[in-house]
N, C-alpha and C. Protein backbone atom coordinates (compact mmCIF):
# COMPACT_ATOMS: atom_id res chain seq x y z
N MET A 1 -133.81 97.50 -44.04
CA MET A 1 -133.63 97.37 -42.62
C MET A 1 -132.91 98.62 -42.12
N VAL A 2 -133.36 99.15 -41.04
CA VAL A 2 -132.69 100.28 -40.41
C VAL A 2 -131.84 99.73 -39.27
N GLU A 3 -130.58 100.07 -39.28
CA GLU A 3 -129.67 99.53 -38.26
C GLU A 3 -128.78 100.65 -37.71
N HIS A 4 -128.61 100.66 -36.39
CA HIS A 4 -127.75 101.65 -35.76
C HIS A 4 -126.58 101.02 -35.02
N ASP A 5 -126.51 99.70 -34.97
CA ASP A 5 -125.38 99.02 -34.35
C ASP A 5 -124.24 99.03 -35.37
N MET A 6 -123.19 99.78 -35.08
CA MET A 6 -122.10 99.96 -36.05
C MET A 6 -121.40 98.66 -36.42
N GLN A 7 -121.35 97.68 -35.52
CA GLN A 7 -120.73 96.40 -35.87
C GLN A 7 -121.54 95.69 -36.95
N VAL A 8 -122.86 95.78 -36.87
CA VAL A 8 -123.72 95.19 -37.90
C VAL A 8 -123.57 95.97 -39.20
N VAL A 9 -123.57 97.28 -39.11
CA VAL A 9 -123.43 98.12 -40.31
C VAL A 9 -122.11 97.82 -41.01
N ILE A 10 -121.02 97.81 -40.28
CA ILE A 10 -119.70 97.59 -40.87
C ILE A 10 -119.58 96.22 -41.53
N SER A 11 -120.26 95.22 -40.97
CA SER A 11 -120.16 93.87 -41.54
C SER A 11 -121.14 93.63 -42.68
N SER A 12 -121.94 94.63 -43.01
CA SER A 12 -122.91 94.50 -44.10
C SER A 12 -122.22 94.55 -45.46
N ASP A 13 -122.81 93.87 -46.44
CA ASP A 13 -122.27 93.88 -47.81
C ASP A 13 -122.51 95.22 -48.49
N TRP A 14 -123.66 95.84 -48.24
CA TRP A 14 -124.02 97.09 -48.90
C TRP A 14 -124.75 97.98 -47.90
N ILE A 15 -124.38 99.23 -47.86
CA ILE A 15 -124.96 100.19 -46.91
C ILE A 15 -125.56 101.34 -47.70
N ILE A 16 -126.74 101.76 -47.29
CA ILE A 16 -127.35 102.97 -47.84
C ILE A 16 -127.57 103.90 -46.65
N ASP A 17 -126.87 105.01 -46.62
CA ASP A 17 -126.97 105.99 -45.54
C ASP A 17 -127.96 107.06 -45.97
N ILE A 18 -129.09 107.12 -45.28
CA ILE A 18 -130.13 108.08 -45.63
C ILE A 18 -129.88 109.43 -44.98
N GLY A 19 -129.01 109.49 -44.03
CA GLY A 19 -128.64 110.77 -43.44
C GLY A 19 -129.71 111.34 -42.52
N LEU A 20 -129.56 112.60 -42.21
CA LEU A 20 -130.49 113.27 -41.30
C LEU A 20 -131.83 113.49 -41.96
N GLY A 21 -132.86 113.56 -41.14
CA GLY A 21 -134.19 113.86 -41.66
C GLY A 21 -134.87 112.68 -42.32
N ALA A 22 -134.47 111.48 -41.98
CA ALA A 22 -135.11 110.30 -42.57
C ALA A 22 -136.52 110.13 -41.99
N GLY A 23 -137.24 109.18 -42.49
CA GLY A 23 -138.58 108.90 -41.99
C GLY A 23 -139.57 109.94 -42.45
N ASP A 24 -140.35 110.48 -41.53
CA ASP A 24 -141.39 111.45 -41.86
C ASP A 24 -140.84 112.71 -42.52
N GLU A 25 -139.59 113.05 -42.24
CA GLU A 25 -139.00 114.26 -42.81
C GLU A 25 -138.40 114.02 -44.19
N GLY A 26 -138.48 112.80 -44.69
CA GLY A 26 -138.00 112.52 -46.04
C GLY A 26 -136.61 111.96 -46.09
N GLY A 27 -135.63 112.76 -45.79
CA GLY A 27 -134.24 112.31 -45.87
C GLY A 27 -133.81 112.12 -47.31
N LYS A 28 -132.53 111.90 -47.51
CA LYS A 28 -132.02 111.61 -48.84
C LYS A 28 -130.77 110.76 -48.70
N ILE A 29 -130.45 110.02 -49.73
CA ILE A 29 -129.27 109.16 -49.70
C ILE A 29 -128.03 110.05 -49.75
N VAL A 30 -127.20 109.93 -48.71
CA VAL A 30 -125.97 110.72 -48.66
C VAL A 30 -124.74 109.88 -48.96
N ALA A 31 -124.87 108.55 -48.86
CA ALA A 31 -123.77 107.65 -49.20
C ALA A 31 -124.33 106.26 -49.40
N GLN A 32 -123.69 105.50 -50.28
CA GLN A 32 -124.05 104.10 -50.45
C GLN A 32 -122.87 103.34 -51.00
N GLY A 33 -122.82 102.07 -50.67
CA GLY A 33 -121.73 101.23 -51.14
C GLY A 33 -121.28 100.28 -50.06
N SER A 34 -120.07 99.76 -50.24
CA SER A 34 -119.49 98.87 -49.23
C SER A 34 -119.16 99.68 -47.98
N SER A 35 -118.85 98.99 -46.90
CA SER A 35 -118.51 99.72 -45.67
C SER A 35 -117.29 100.60 -45.88
N GLU A 36 -116.34 100.14 -46.71
CA GLU A 36 -115.15 100.94 -46.99
C GLU A 36 -115.52 102.22 -47.75
N GLN A 37 -116.43 102.11 -48.70
CA GLN A 37 -116.83 103.29 -49.48
C GLN A 37 -117.59 104.29 -48.61
N VAL A 38 -118.50 103.81 -47.80
CA VAL A 38 -119.28 104.70 -46.94
C VAL A 38 -118.38 105.35 -45.89
N ALA A 39 -117.42 104.60 -45.36
CA ALA A 39 -116.50 105.14 -44.36
C ALA A 39 -115.64 106.27 -44.92
N GLN A 40 -115.41 106.27 -46.23
CA GLN A 40 -114.58 107.30 -46.86
C GLN A 40 -115.38 108.52 -47.32
N SER A 41 -116.70 108.42 -47.25
CA SER A 41 -117.54 109.53 -47.70
C SER A 41 -117.32 110.75 -46.81
N GLU A 42 -117.26 111.90 -47.42
CA GLU A 42 -117.02 113.13 -46.67
C GLU A 42 -118.31 113.86 -46.30
N ILE A 43 -119.45 113.41 -46.83
CA ILE A 43 -120.68 114.16 -46.58
C ILE A 43 -121.65 113.47 -45.64
N ASN A 44 -121.30 112.31 -45.10
CA ASN A 44 -122.22 111.67 -44.17
C ASN A 44 -121.64 111.67 -42.76
N ARG A 45 -122.52 111.60 -41.79
CA ARG A 45 -122.08 111.59 -40.40
C ARG A 45 -121.77 110.19 -39.90
N THR A 46 -122.18 109.18 -40.65
CA THR A 46 -121.94 107.80 -40.25
C THR A 46 -120.47 107.45 -40.31
N ALA A 47 -119.74 108.00 -41.25
CA ALA A 47 -118.34 107.65 -41.48
C ALA A 47 -117.49 107.76 -40.21
N ARG A 48 -117.70 108.79 -39.42
CA ARG A 48 -116.86 108.96 -38.22
C ARG A 48 -117.08 107.86 -37.19
N PHE A 49 -118.23 107.21 -37.23
CA PHE A 49 -118.51 106.11 -36.31
C PHE A 49 -118.03 104.77 -36.86
N MET A 50 -117.57 104.76 -38.10
CA MET A 50 -117.11 103.54 -38.74
C MET A 50 -115.59 103.40 -38.67
N GLY A 51 -114.93 104.30 -37.97
CA GLY A 51 -113.49 104.21 -37.81
C GLY A 51 -112.72 104.76 -38.98
N SER A 52 -113.33 105.71 -39.72
CA SER A 52 -112.63 106.29 -40.88
C SER A 52 -111.59 107.28 -40.43
């Protein structure tokens, strides 16, 4: 499932952040884990929207 609502993302058990260039451009996994783990990642852009 692709989700952009941060409240849904934060409440998820497991998150896989595909990062920029997803879809037709391929993309790659830049972070995965619990919301706490993804929020602490230094290489993804999602973390700043998760209140890290």
